[in-house]
N, C-alpha and C. Protein backbone atom coordinates (compact mmCIF):
# COMPACT_ATOMS: atom_id res chain seq x y z
N UNK A 1 17.81 4.38 -0.37
CA UNK A 1 16.93 4.57 1.01
C UNK A 1 17.78 3.13 2.60
N UNK A 2 17.26 3.80 3.19
CA UNK A 2 18.29 2.59 4.28
C UNK A 2 17.32 1.77 4.52
N UNK A 3 17.92 0.73 4.46
CA UNK A 3 17.63 -0.66 4.72
C UNK A 3 17.20 -1.12 6.36
N UNK A 4 18.05 -0.69 6.98
CA UNK A 4 17.86 -0.84 8.02
C UNK A 4 16.60 0.44 8.87
N UNK A 5 16.42 1.41 8.07
CA UNK A 5 15.66 2.08 9.00
C UNK A 5 13.78 1.27 8.26
N UNK A 6 14.28 0.46 7.33
CA UNK A 6 12.86 0.54 6.08
C UNK A 6 12.11 -0.70 6.80
N UNK A 7 13.35 -1.64 7.27
CA UNK A 7 13.14 -2.90 7.73
C UNK A 7 13.14 -3.59 8.81
N UNK A 8 13.74 -2.71 9.92
CA UNK A 8 14.14 -3.11 10.86
C UNK A 8 12.86 -3.12 12.24
N UNK A 9 12.72 -3.91 12.72
CA UNK A 9 11.55 -3.80 13.64
C UNK A 9 12.14 -4.04 14.95
N UNK A 10 11.48 -2.70 16.09
CA UNK A 10 12.17 -2.53 17.17
C UNK A 10 11.99 -3.78 18.45
N UNK A 11 12.55 -3.94 19.25
CA UNK A 11 12.13 -4.44 20.70
C UNK A 11 10.47 -4.38 20.78
N UNK A 12 9.97 -4.83 20.91
CA UNK A 12 8.71 -4.87 21.60
C UNK A 12 7.58 -4.36 20.96
N UNK A 13 7.92 -4.01 19.24
CA UNK A 13 6.72 -3.62 17.90
C UNK A 13 6.08 -4.82 17.85
N UNK A 14 4.60 -4.13 17.71
CA UNK A 14 3.92 -5.34 16.60
C UNK A 14 3.66 -4.70 15.09
N UNK A 15 3.95 -6.13 14.49
CA UNK A 15 4.09 -6.47 13.54
C UNK A 15 2.90 -7.45 12.70
N UNK A 16 2.58 -6.88 11.03
CA UNK A 16 1.20 -6.75 10.78
C UNK A 16 2.08 -7.66 9.30
N UNK A 17 2.19 -8.64 8.98
CA UNK A 17 2.95 -9.27 7.72
C UNK A 17 2.11 -8.42 6.80
N UNK A 18 0.76 -8.73 6.94
CA UNK A 18 -0.29 -8.45 6.09
C UNK A 18 0.28 -7.27 5.52
N UNK A 19 0.73 -6.22 6.43
CA UNK A 19 0.54 -4.66 5.79
C UNK A 19 1.91 -3.83 5.13
N UNK A 20 2.66 -5.52 5.40
CA UNK A 20 3.79 -5.26 4.38
C UNK A 20 3.82 -5.74 3.50
N UNK A 21 4.49 -5.34 2.06
CA UNK A 21 4.26 -5.35 0.66
C UNK A 21 4.97 -6.75 0.42
N UNK A 22 5.53 -8.09 0.38
CA UNK A 22 6.52 -8.86 -0.10
C UNK A 22 6.68 -8.45 -0.81
N UNK A 23 6.46 -7.94 -1.80
CA UNK A 23 7.01 -7.54 -3.82
C UNK A 23 7.94 -6.06 -2.99
N UNK A 24 7.86 -5.33 -2.44
CA UNK A 24 8.44 -3.95 -2.18
C UNK A 24 10.45 -4.22 -2.67
N UNK A 25 10.54 -3.45 -2.81
CA UNK A 25 12.19 -3.43 -3.60
C UNK A 25 13.24 -2.24 -2.93
N UNK A 26 12.31 -1.39 -2.20
CA UNK A 26 12.58 -0.39 -1.49
C UNK A 26 13.67 0.70 -2.63
N UNK A 27 13.13 0.48 -3.68
CA UNK A 27 13.85 1.32 -4.72
C UNK A 27 15.24 0.84 -5.55
N UNK A 28 15.68 0.00 -4.98
CA UNK A 28 16.79 -0.82 -5.10
C UNK A 28 16.99 -1.31 -6.78
N UNK A 29 17.84 -0.80 -7.28
CA UNK A 29 18.14 -1.83 -8.73
C UNK A 29 19.17 -3.12 -8.35
N UNK A 30 18.86 -3.84 -8.47
CA UNK A 30 19.32 -5.62 -9.11
C UNK A 30 20.89 -5.15 -9.15
N UNK A 31 21.43 -5.00 -10.30
CA UNK A 31 22.33 -4.93 -10.69
C UNK A 31 23.09 -3.53 -9.76
N UNK A 32 22.79 -2.91 -9.40
CA UNK A 32 23.58 -1.86 -8.03
C UNK A 32 23.32 -2.32 -6.73
N UNK A 33 22.02 -4.03 -6.32
CA UNK A 33 22.42 -4.18 -5.36
C UNK A 33 23.57 -5.35 -5.19
N UNK A 34 23.95 -6.05 -6.21
CA UNK A 34 24.47 -7.12 -6.22
C UNK A 34 25.83 -6.67 -6.30
N UNK A 35 26.25 -5.50 -6.77
CA UNK A 35 27.34 -4.74 -6.85
C UNK A 35 27.58 -4.34 -5.59
N UNK A 36 27.40 -4.01 -4.90
CA UNK A 36 27.23 -2.96 -3.06
C UNK A 36 27.33 -4.53 -2.53
N UNK A 37 27.02 -6.03 -2.94
CA UNK A 37 26.99 -7.18 -2.04
C UNK A 37 28.25 -7.28 -2.35
N UNK A 38 29.17 -6.90 -3.45
CA UNK A 38 30.77 -7.55 -3.21
C UNK A 38 31.19 -7.06 -1.97
N UNK A 39 30.45 -5.34 -2.20
CA UNK A 39 31.60 -4.70 -1.31
C UNK A 39 31.00 -5.05 0.42
N UNK A 40 30.00 -5.69 0.83
CA UNK A 40 29.43 -5.89 1.43
C UNK A 40 30.58 -7.37 2.34
N UNK A 41 30.48 -8.13 0.98
CA UNK A 41 31.10 -9.01 1.73
C UNK A 41 32.49 -9.53 1.88
N UNK A 42 32.87 -8.09 1.51
CA UNK A 42 34.81 -8.03 1.80
C UNK A 42 34.38 -7.30 3.23
N UNK A 43 33.77 -6.30 3.21
CA UNK A 43 33.56 -5.92 4.81
C UNK A 43 33.38 -6.70 5.62
N UNK A 44 32.36 -7.95 5.37
CA UNK A 44 31.88 -9.29 6.27
C UNK A 44 33.05 -9.74 6.76
N UNK A 45 34.05 -10.18 5.78
CA UNK A 45 35.18 -11.34 6.05
C UNK A 45 36.80 -10.24 6.87
N UNK A 46 36.03 -8.64 7.10
CA UNK A 46 37.52 -7.98 7.72
C UNK A 46 36.66 -8.42 9.09
N UNK A 47 35.37 -7.79 9.08
CA UNK A 47 34.75 -7.82 10.66
C UNK A 47 35.18 -9.65 11.18
N UNK A 48 34.80 -10.34 10.23
CA UNK A 48 35.04 -12.25 10.92
C UNK A 48 36.00 -11.99 11.34
N UNK A 49 37.45 -11.62 10.48
CA UNK A 49 38.92 -11.68 11.15
C UNK A 49 39.20 -11.11 11.89
N UNK A 50 38.36 -9.76 12.89
CA UNK A 50 38.49 -8.77 14.10
C UNK A 50 37.57 -9.94 14.79
N UNK A 51 36.57 -10.78 14.62
CA UNK A 51 36.16 -11.32 15.40
C UNK A 51 36.67 -12.42 16.28
N UNK A 52 37.00 -12.99 15.18
CA UNK A 52 37.63 -14.84 15.58
C UNK A 52 39.28 -13.67 16.50
N UNK A 53 39.71 -12.66 15.91
CA UNK A 53 41.24 -12.40 16.71
C UNK A 53 40.71 -12.27 18.41
N UNK A 54 39.43 -11.03 18.17
CA UNK A 54 39.29 -10.87 19.73
C UNK A 54 38.92 -11.69 20.61
N UNK A 55 37.92 -12.76 19.87
CA UNK A 55 37.37 -14.05 20.82
C UNK A 55 36.43 -13.60 22.31
N UNK A 56 35.78 -12.86 22.23
CA UNK A 56 35.36 -12.28 22.89
C UNK A 56 33.64 -12.36 23.16
N UNK A 57 33.12 -12.45 21.62
CA UNK A 57 32.22 -12.00 21.23
C UNK A 57 31.81 -13.38 20.22
N UNK A 58 30.79 -13.82 19.53
CA UNK A 58 30.16 -14.91 18.80
C UNK A 58 29.10 -13.66 18.13
N UNK A 59 28.73 -14.16 16.94
CA UNK A 59 27.84 -13.72 16.07
C UNK A 59 26.53 -14.96 15.95
N UNK A 60 25.19 -14.75 15.96
CA UNK A 60 24.20 -15.76 15.26
C UNK A 60 23.25 -15.02 14.83
N UNK A 61 23.30 -15.33 13.52
CA UNK A 61 22.70 -14.72 12.32
C UNK A 61 21.51 -15.86 11.98
N UNK A 62 20.19 -15.36 12.63
CA UNK A 62 19.05 -16.48 12.42
C UNK A 62 18.26 -15.86 11.19
N UNK A 63 18.18 -16.75 9.78
CA UNK A 63 16.87 -16.87 9.28
C UNK A 63 15.84 -17.87 9.46
N UNK A 64 15.06 -16.92 9.49
CA UNK A 64 13.26 -17.70 9.06
C UNK A 64 12.33 -16.97 8.25
N UNK A 65 11.48 -18.01 7.87
CA UNK A 65 10.87 -17.77 6.30
C UNK A 65 9.68 -19.01 6.16
N UNK A 66 8.72 -18.71 5.16
CA UNK A 66 8.06 -20.04 4.71
C UNK A 66 9.07 -20.43 3.65
N UNK A 67 8.25 -21.88 3.39
CA UNK A 67 9.38 -22.99 2.38
C UNK A 67 9.23 -22.25 0.77
N UNK A 68 10.28 -21.70 0.58
CA UNK A 68 11.10 -21.33 -0.76
C UNK A 68 11.29 -19.81 -0.48
N UNK A 69 11.05 -19.30 0.52
CA UNK A 69 11.00 -17.49 0.87
C UNK A 69 12.37 -17.30 0.12
N UNK A 70 13.64 -18.23 0.15
CA UNK A 70 15.22 -18.25 -0.05
C UNK A 70 16.24 -17.88 0.50
N UNK A 71 15.95 -18.87 1.80
CA UNK A 71 16.93 -18.61 3.15
C UNK A 71 18.37 -19.51 2.63
N UNK A 72 17.96 -20.73 2.27
CA UNK A 72 19.47 -21.07 1.27
C UNK A 72 19.99 -20.08 0.40
N UNK A 73 19.60 -19.50 -0.45
CA UNK A 73 20.30 -18.25 -1.25
C UNK A 73 20.72 -17.48 -0.44
N UNK A 74 19.82 -17.11 0.68
CA UNK A 74 20.90 -15.81 0.84
C UNK A 74 22.15 -15.94 2.24
N UNK A 75 21.86 -17.40 2.33
CA UNK A 75 22.74 -17.84 3.17
C UNK A 75 24.26 -17.93 2.10
N UNK A 76 23.75 -18.75 1.16
CA UNK A 76 24.94 -18.74 0.21
C UNK A 76 25.53 -18.03 -0.32
N UNK A 77 24.54 -16.47 -0.78
CA UNK A 77 25.14 -15.11 -1.32
C UNK A 77 25.39 -14.76 -0.38
N UNK A 78 24.88 -14.50 0.54
CA UNK A 78 25.57 -13.06 1.37
C UNK A 78 26.67 -13.51 2.19
N UNK A 79 27.04 -14.76 2.85
CA UNK A 79 27.59 -15.30 3.06
C UNK A 79 29.08 -16.23 2.72
N UNK A 80 29.13 -15.90 1.75
CA UNK A 80 30.39 -17.31 0.56
C UNK A 80 31.61 -16.47 1.29
N UNK A 81 31.69 -15.28 1.48
CA UNK A 81 32.96 -14.54 1.65
C UNK A 81 33.27 -14.92 2.64
N UNK A 82 32.70 -15.57 3.86
CA UNK A 82 33.19 -15.71 5.05
C UNK A 82 34.38 -16.79 5.23
N UNK A 83 35.58 -16.60 6.25
CA UNK A 83 35.88 -17.89 6.01
C UNK A 83 34.83 -19.38 6.91
N UNK A 84 35.22 -20.47 6.36
CA UNK A 84 34.16 -21.67 6.43
C UNK A 84 34.52 -22.05 8.11
N UNK A 85 36.03 -21.60 8.47
CA UNK A 85 36.34 -22.24 9.21
C UNK A 85 36.04 -21.49 11.02
N UNK A 86 35.34 -20.48 10.34
CA UNK A 86 35.18 -19.96 11.20
C UNK A 86 33.12 -19.44 11.49
N UNK A 87 33.19 -20.26 10.56
CA UNK A 87 31.38 -20.11 10.62
C UNK A 87 30.38 -21.63 9.90
N UNK A 88 29.71 -22.03 11.14
CA UNK A 88 28.51 -23.11 10.31
C UNK A 88 27.63 -22.92 10.50
N UNK A 89 27.02 -23.17 9.59
CA UNK A 89 25.27 -23.16 9.69
C UNK A 89 24.41 -24.32 10.28
N UNK A 90 23.34 -24.39 10.85
CA UNK A 90 22.56 -25.58 11.06
C UNK A 90 21.59 -25.09 10.91
N UNK A 91 20.72 -26.30 10.67
CA UNK A 91 20.19 -26.42 9.68
C UNK A 91 18.68 -26.66 10.70
N UNK A 92 17.27 -26.55 11.10
CA UNK A 92 16.72 -27.25 11.75
C UNK A 92 15.15 -27.81 11.57
N UNK A 93 15.43 -29.13 10.95
CA UNK A 93 14.22 -29.75 10.25
C UNK A 93 12.93 -30.33 11.77
N UNK A 94 12.54 -31.26 10.71
CA UNK A 94 11.88 -32.12 11.91
C UNK A 94 12.53 -32.78 13.04
N UNK A 95 12.52 -32.46 14.25
CA UNK A 95 12.87 -33.14 15.56
C UNK A 95 13.57 -34.67 15.47
N UNK A 96 14.58 -35.12 15.84
CA UNK A 96 14.95 -36.63 15.88
C UNK A 96 14.20 -37.18 17.39
N UNK A 97 14.37 -38.51 17.06
CA UNK A 97 13.72 -39.31 18.26
C UNK A 97 14.93 -38.07 19.70
N UNK A 98 16.17 -38.52 19.61
CA UNK A 98 16.96 -38.34 20.72
C UNK A 98 16.51 -36.77 21.07
N UNK A 99 16.12 -35.72 19.55
CA UNK A 99 16.06 -34.49 20.38
C UNK A 99 14.41 -33.91 21.55
N UNK A 100 13.92 -35.13 20.51
CA UNK A 100 12.25 -34.95 21.05
C UNK A 100 12.13 -35.60 22.85
N UNK A 101 13.69 -35.98 22.80
CA UNK A 101 13.61 -36.70 24.66
C UNK A 101 14.57 -35.91 25.51
N UNK A 102 14.14 -34.31 25.27
CA UNK A 102 15.01 -33.21 25.65
C UNK A 102 14.06 -32.10 25.40
N UNK A 103 14.63 -31.24 26.57
CA UNK A 103 13.52 -30.05 25.77
C UNK A 103 14.48 -29.26 24.37
N UNK A 104 13.35 -28.50 24.44
CA UNK A 104 12.63 -28.41 22.97
C UNK A 104 13.75 -27.29 22.41
N UNK A 105 14.79 -26.62 23.59
CA UNK A 105 15.86 -26.05 23.60
C UNK A 105 17.43 -26.43 23.22
N UNK A 106 17.24 -27.49 23.67
CA UNK A 106 18.41 -28.58 24.43
C UNK A 106 19.29 -28.18 22.36
N UNK A 107 18.47 -29.06 21.86
CA UNK A 107 19.44 -29.32 20.03
C UNK A 107 19.71 -27.38 19.66
N UNK A 108 19.01 -26.40 19.96
CA UNK A 108 19.40 -25.48 19.94
C UNK A 108 20.43 -24.92 20.25
N UNK A 109 20.67 -24.71 21.47
CA UNK A 109 21.67 -24.09 22.12
C UNK A 109 23.30 -24.71 22.13
N UNK A 110 23.12 -26.50 21.65
CA UNK A 110 24.27 -26.90 21.15
C UNK A 110 24.64 -26.51 19.86
N UNK A 111 23.92 -25.33 19.11
CA UNK A 111 24.42 -25.00 17.81
C UNK A 111 24.93 -23.80 18.06
N UNK A 112 24.69 -23.09 18.82
CA UNK A 112 25.32 -21.58 19.07
C UNK A 112 26.84 -21.30 19.39
N UNK A 113 27.00 -20.81 17.87
CA UNK A 113 28.38 -20.28 18.19
C UNK A 113 29.48 -19.83 19.34
N UNK A 114 30.58 -20.54 19.23
CA UNK A 114 31.68 -19.73 20.21
C UNK A 114 32.14 -18.56 20.19
N UNK A 115 32.70 -18.23 21.00
CA UNK A 115 33.52 -16.88 20.75
C UNK A 115 34.86 -16.76 19.77
N UNK A 116 34.12 -15.92 19.10
CA UNK A 116 35.14 -15.66 18.19
C UNK A 116 34.37 -16.00 16.68
N UNK A 117 33.42 -17.01 16.55
CA UNK A 117 32.48 -17.54 15.43
C UNK A 117 31.50 -17.03 15.32
N UNK A 118 30.99 -17.01 14.20
CA UNK A 118 29.64 -16.73 12.91
C UNK A 118 28.81 -17.97 13.25
N UNK A 119 27.95 -18.16 13.88
CA UNK A 119 26.76 -18.88 13.17
C UNK A 119 25.67 -18.80 12.90
N UNK A 120 25.21 -19.63 11.81
CA UNK A 120 24.22 -18.77 11.06
C UNK A 120 22.85 -20.40 11.16
N UNK A 121 21.72 -19.81 11.80
CA UNK A 121 20.60 -20.78 12.00
C UNK A 121 19.59 -20.63 10.35
N UNK A 122 19.47 -22.08 9.93
CA UNK A 122 18.41 -21.66 8.92
C UNK A 122 17.32 -22.51 9.59
N UNK A 123 15.93 -21.36 9.85
CA UNK A 123 15.22 -21.54 10.53
C UNK A 123 15.81 -22.03 11.72
N UNK A 124 15.09 -21.39 13.07
CA UNK A 124 15.28 -21.52 14.45
C UNK A 124 14.67 -22.21 15.69
N UNK A 125 15.12 -22.20 17.05
CA UNK A 125 13.75 -22.17 17.67
C UNK A 125 12.51 -21.68 17.98
N UNK A 126 12.04 -20.83 16.88
CA UNK A 126 10.91 -19.91 16.64
C UNK A 126 9.81 -21.66 15.37
N UNK A 127 10.48 -22.43 15.66
CA UNK A 127 9.58 -23.72 14.57
C UNK A 127 8.71 -24.17 15.97
N UNK A 128 9.72 -24.31 17.33
CA UNK A 128 9.36 -24.84 18.12
C UNK A 128 7.43 -23.82 18.80
N UNK A 129 7.85 -23.22 18.39
CA UNK A 129 6.32 -22.74 18.64
C UNK A 129 5.47 -22.36 17.50
N UNK A 130 6.28 -21.95 16.51
CA UNK A 130 5.25 -22.24 14.73
C UNK A 130 4.35 -23.03 14.57
N UNK A 131 5.42 -24.00 14.33
CA UNK A 131 5.10 -25.88 13.92
C UNK A 131 3.74 -26.31 14.76
N UNK A 132 4.60 -25.93 16.83
CA UNK A 132 3.70 -26.75 17.39
C UNK A 132 2.66 -26.24 17.88
N UNK A 133 2.04 -24.88 17.05
CA UNK A 133 0.97 -23.82 17.18
C UNK A 133 0.02 -24.65 15.74
N UNK A 134 0.66 -23.91 14.73
CA UNK A 134 -0.14 -24.33 13.42
C UNK A 134 -0.82 -25.65 13.29
N UNK A 135 0.03 -26.65 13.90
CA UNK A 135 -0.23 -28.05 13.56
C UNK A 135 -1.02 -29.32 15.16
N UNK A 136 -0.95 -28.08 16.05
CA UNK A 136 -1.32 -28.50 17.42
C UNK A 136 -0.64 -29.87 17.53
N UNK A 137 0.72 -29.85 18.06
CA UNK A 137 1.32 -30.20 18.57
C UNK A 137 2.17 -30.75 19.50
N UNK A 138 1.53 -29.89 20.63
CA UNK A 138 1.47 -29.72 21.72
C UNK A 138 0.26 -28.78 22.63
N UNK A 139 -0.31 -28.69 23.92
CA UNK A 139 -1.51 -28.21 24.14
C UNK A 139 -0.56 -26.29 24.26
N UNK A 140 -1.59 -25.72 24.02
CA UNK A 140 -1.46 -24.38 24.16
C UNK A 140 -0.69 -23.68 24.95
N UNK A 141 -1.08 -24.18 26.63
CA UNK A 141 -0.68 -23.86 27.65
C UNK A 141 1.34 -24.47 27.16
N UNK A 142 1.89 -25.07 26.36
CA UNK A 142 2.99 -25.68 26.76
C UNK A 142 3.33 -24.53 25.17
N UNK A 143 3.13 -24.22 23.94
CA UNK A 143 4.05 -23.15 23.44
C UNK A 143 3.97 -21.39 23.37
N UNK A 144 2.44 -21.64 24.21
CA UNK A 144 2.46 -20.05 24.72
C UNK A 144 3.80 -19.90 25.59
N UNK A 145 3.99 -20.55 27.05
CA UNK A 145 4.70 -20.84 27.43
C UNK A 145 6.48 -20.45 27.03
N UNK A 146 6.64 -20.83 25.87
CA UNK A 146 7.53 -21.06 24.85
C UNK A 146 8.61 -19.84 24.88
N UNK A 147 7.35 -18.36 24.54
CA UNK A 147 7.41 -17.32 24.02
C UNK A 147 8.61 -16.89 25.02
N UNK A 148 8.11 -16.99 26.20
CA UNK A 148 8.96 -16.42 27.67
C UNK A 148 10.33 -16.95 27.91
N UNK A 149 10.32 -18.57 27.47
CA UNK A 149 11.53 -19.43 27.46
C UNK A 149 12.50 -19.15 26.68
N UNK A 150 11.86 -18.81 25.37
CA UNK A 150 13.01 -17.82 24.40
C UNK A 150 13.41 -17.03 24.79
N UNK A 151 12.30 -15.99 25.04
CA UNK A 151 13.17 -14.72 25.67
C UNK A 151 13.97 -14.90 26.59
N UNK A 152 14.18 -15.47 27.86
CA UNK A 152 15.27 -15.99 28.31
C UNK A 152 15.78 -16.37 27.83
N UNK A 153 16.34 -17.19 27.28
CA UNK A 153 17.21 -17.90 26.84
C UNK A 153 18.18 -16.94 25.49
N UNK A 154 17.68 -16.11 24.63
CA UNK A 154 18.03 -14.85 23.58
C UNK A 154 18.82 -14.14 25.04
N UNK A 155 17.76 -13.85 26.18
CA UNK A 155 18.65 -12.82 27.05
C UNK A 155 20.06 -13.60 27.79
N UNK A 156 20.24 -14.91 27.70
CA UNK A 156 21.08 -15.58 28.75
C UNK A 156 22.51 -15.45 27.82
N UNK A 157 22.01 -15.63 26.50
CA UNK A 157 23.02 -15.35 24.81
C UNK A 157 23.29 -13.97 25.16
N UNK A 158 22.90 -12.97 25.25
CA UNK A 158 23.15 -11.97 25.11
C UNK A 158 23.90 -11.19 26.37
N UNK A 159 23.87 -11.78 27.42
CA UNK A 159 24.34 -11.46 28.77
C UNK A 159 25.72 -12.38 28.55
N UNK A 160 25.96 -13.74 27.80
CA UNK A 160 27.21 -13.89 27.88
C UNK A 160 27.70 -13.91 26.33
N UNK A 161 27.44 -12.11 25.49
CA UNK A 161 27.89 -12.00 24.71
C UNK A 161 28.45 -12.30 23.24
N UNK A 162 26.90 -13.14 22.98
CA UNK A 162 26.36 -13.52 21.95
C UNK A 162 25.26 -12.44 21.22
N UNK A 163 25.81 -11.84 20.29
CA UNK A 163 24.93 -11.28 19.28
C UNK A 163 24.40 -11.72 18.43
N UNK A 164 22.82 -11.41 18.60
CA UNK A 164 21.73 -11.98 17.91
C UNK A 164 20.78 -10.62 16.88
N UNK A 165 21.38 -11.60 15.64
CA UNK A 165 20.82 -11.06 14.33
C UNK A 165 19.49 -11.45 13.94
N UNK A 166 18.40 -11.31 13.56
CA UNK A 166 17.23 -12.33 12.86
C UNK A 166 16.77 -11.64 11.89
N UNK A 167 16.61 -12.45 10.87
CA UNK A 167 16.33 -12.00 9.27
C UNK A 167 15.03 -12.63 8.94
N UNK A 168 13.39 -12.06 8.79
CA UNK A 168 12.25 -12.25 7.99
C UNK A 168 12.10 -12.87 6.71
N UNK A 169 12.11 -13.62 6.00
CA UNK A 169 11.93 -13.37 4.63
C UNK A 169 10.55 -13.30 4.40
N UNK A 170 10.04 -12.55 3.97
CA UNK A 170 8.59 -12.53 3.60
C UNK A 170 8.09 -12.87 2.16
N UNK A 171 7.63 -13.65 1.97
CA UNK A 171 6.97 -13.73 -0.18
C UNK A 171 5.45 -14.11 0.30
N UNK A 172 4.94 -13.92 -0.93
CA UNK A 172 3.69 -14.21 -0.87
C UNK A 172 2.95 -15.03 -1.28
N UNK A 173 1.60 -15.66 -0.96
CA UNK A 173 1.22 -16.95 -1.52
C UNK A 173 1.51 -17.42 -2.89
N UNK A 174 0.89 -16.07 -3.10
CA UNK A 174 1.42 -16.50 -4.57
C UNK A 174 2.74 -16.20 -5.21
N UNK A 175 3.71 -16.00 -4.56
CA UNK A 175 5.19 -16.04 -4.79
C UNK A 175 5.47 -17.22 -4.67
N UNK A 176 4.79 -18.12 -3.54
CA UNK A 176 6.04 -19.25 -3.66
C UNK A 176 5.23 -20.16 -3.85
N UNK A 177 4.07 -20.22 -4.61
CA UNK A 177 3.31 -20.78 -5.87
C UNK A 177 3.90 -20.80 -6.90
N UNK A 178 4.29 -19.20 -7.27
CA UNK A 178 5.33 -19.24 -8.51
C UNK A 178 6.56 -20.18 -8.54
N UNK A 179 6.99 -20.28 -7.29
CA UNK A 179 8.65 -21.06 -7.13
C UNK A 179 8.57 -22.36 -6.96
N UNK A 180 7.33 -22.91 -6.39
CA UNK A 180 7.26 -24.02 -6.23
C UNK A 180 7.03 -24.94 -7.61
N UNK A 181 6.17 -23.98 -8.32
CA UNK A 181 6.16 -24.76 -9.52
C UNK A 181 7.58 -24.20 -10.47
N UNK A 182 8.44 -23.30 -10.45
CA UNK A 182 9.54 -23.75 -10.94
C UNK A 182 10.33 -24.37 -10.18
N UNK A 183 10.47 -24.92 -9.38
CA UNK A 183 11.15 -26.53 -9.01
C UNK A 183 10.59 -27.23 -9.47
N UNK A 184 9.45 -27.38 -10.00
CA UNK A 184 8.68 -28.84 -10.56
C UNK A 184 9.13 -28.77 -12.02
N UNK A 185 9.33 -27.31 -12.01
CA UNK A 185 9.59 -27.82 -13.33
C UNK A 185 10.97 -27.82 -14.30
N UNK A 186 12.03 -27.75 -13.02
CA UNK A 186 13.18 -28.03 -13.05
C UNK A 186 13.88 -29.49 -13.06
N UNK A 187 14.13 -29.60 -13.76
CA UNK A 187 15.26 -31.14 -13.35
C UNK A 187 16.10 -31.26 -12.33
N UNK A 188 16.83 -30.15 -12.11
CA UNK A 188 17.94 -29.73 -11.37
C UNK A 188 17.22 -29.63 -9.92
N UNK A 189 15.82 -28.93 -10.11
CA UNK A 189 16.04 -28.60 -8.65
C UNK A 189 14.13 -29.40 -7.92
N UNK A 190 13.73 -29.94 -8.94
CA UNK A 190 12.26 -30.55 -8.48
C UNK A 190 12.51 -31.39 -7.00
N UNK A 191 13.71 -31.94 -7.01
CA UNK A 191 14.13 -32.75 -5.46
C UNK A 191 14.13 -32.27 -4.47
N UNK A 192 13.59 -30.72 -4.56
CA UNK A 192 13.60 -29.93 -3.13
C UNK A 192 12.03 -29.71 -3.03
N UNK A 193 11.47 -30.37 -3.88
CA UNK A 193 9.84 -30.31 -4.00
C UNK A 193 8.82 -31.37 -2.87
N UNK A 194 8.49 -31.77 -1.85
CA UNK A 194 7.23 -32.48 -1.59
C UNK A 194 6.33 -32.13 -1.02
N UNK A 195 5.58 -33.02 -0.91
CA UNK A 195 4.57 -33.20 -0.58
C UNK A 195 4.12 -32.75 1.11
N UNK A 196 4.76 -32.32 1.34
CA UNK A 196 4.76 -31.05 2.54
C UNK A 196 4.72 -30.06 2.36
N UNK A 197 5.53 -29.35 0.96
CA UNK A 197 5.48 -28.32 0.89
C UNK A 197 4.21 -27.64 0.19
N UNK A 198 3.10 -28.66 -0.10
CA UNK A 198 1.84 -28.10 -0.17
C UNK A 198 1.19 -28.37 0.67
N UNK A 199 1.40 -29.44 1.30
CA UNK A 199 0.58 -29.15 2.77
C UNK A 199 0.52 -28.24 3.73
N UNK A 200 1.83 -27.53 3.45
CA UNK A 200 2.34 -26.14 4.57
C UNK A 200 1.19 -25.34 4.06
N UNK A 201 1.12 -25.24 2.93
CA UNK A 201 0.42 -24.04 1.62
C UNK A 201 -1.31 -23.77 2.42
N UNK A 202 -1.69 -24.67 2.61
CA UNK A 202 -3.21 -25.25 3.41
C UNK A 202 -3.57 -23.99 4.69
N UNK A 203 -2.18 -24.23 5.75
CA UNK A 203 -1.88 -23.34 6.47
C UNK A 203 -1.66 -22.13 6.75
N UNK A 204 -1.49 -21.58 5.68
CA UNK A 204 -1.05 -19.66 5.41
C UNK A 204 -3.34 -19.69 5.73
N UNK A 205 -2.97 -17.65 6.05
CA UNK A 205 -3.98 -17.36 6.49
C UNK A 205 -4.46 -16.66 5.14
């Protein structure tokens, strides 16, 4: 199966997550997928080298997901073969006081990769719509305006040869609960669980 066709959301298309099965495997065998990943990582390394040599474009990879969906794991397993000198990961957590004193895209723009490099966003500028909307941090007029501002921002990046690839990792509420419990039960991983994780679950539809 061509995963690009199965998972790709075309620009302008409307998506309903409840219509997509978060447990779907697309008939992929795990062992075969891991084997394919080895070859894919070698291909990524080769393409990264060419990107750096050309120095005319940049690649920005955006990972967005609910807590425990696997953003860190995806970055670690898929991007591990890249040269760290030309690859940087930026994580967007709660804004600092300094960041709050600027426009919401200020902290994002300065993390955009330079030409020749690969940038990876662990969460992104979409947090300033999602979190702000769910927790009512700003008026509706503010977060609604951010949709167009984000589109304009990404359009400006594309016009300046920054290629943006976005991934949304989709899991069910039950799967998230199971993963949170696994973290609680594992002494080596329970530091990753916070009260906020459980509070956020209350906002699921």
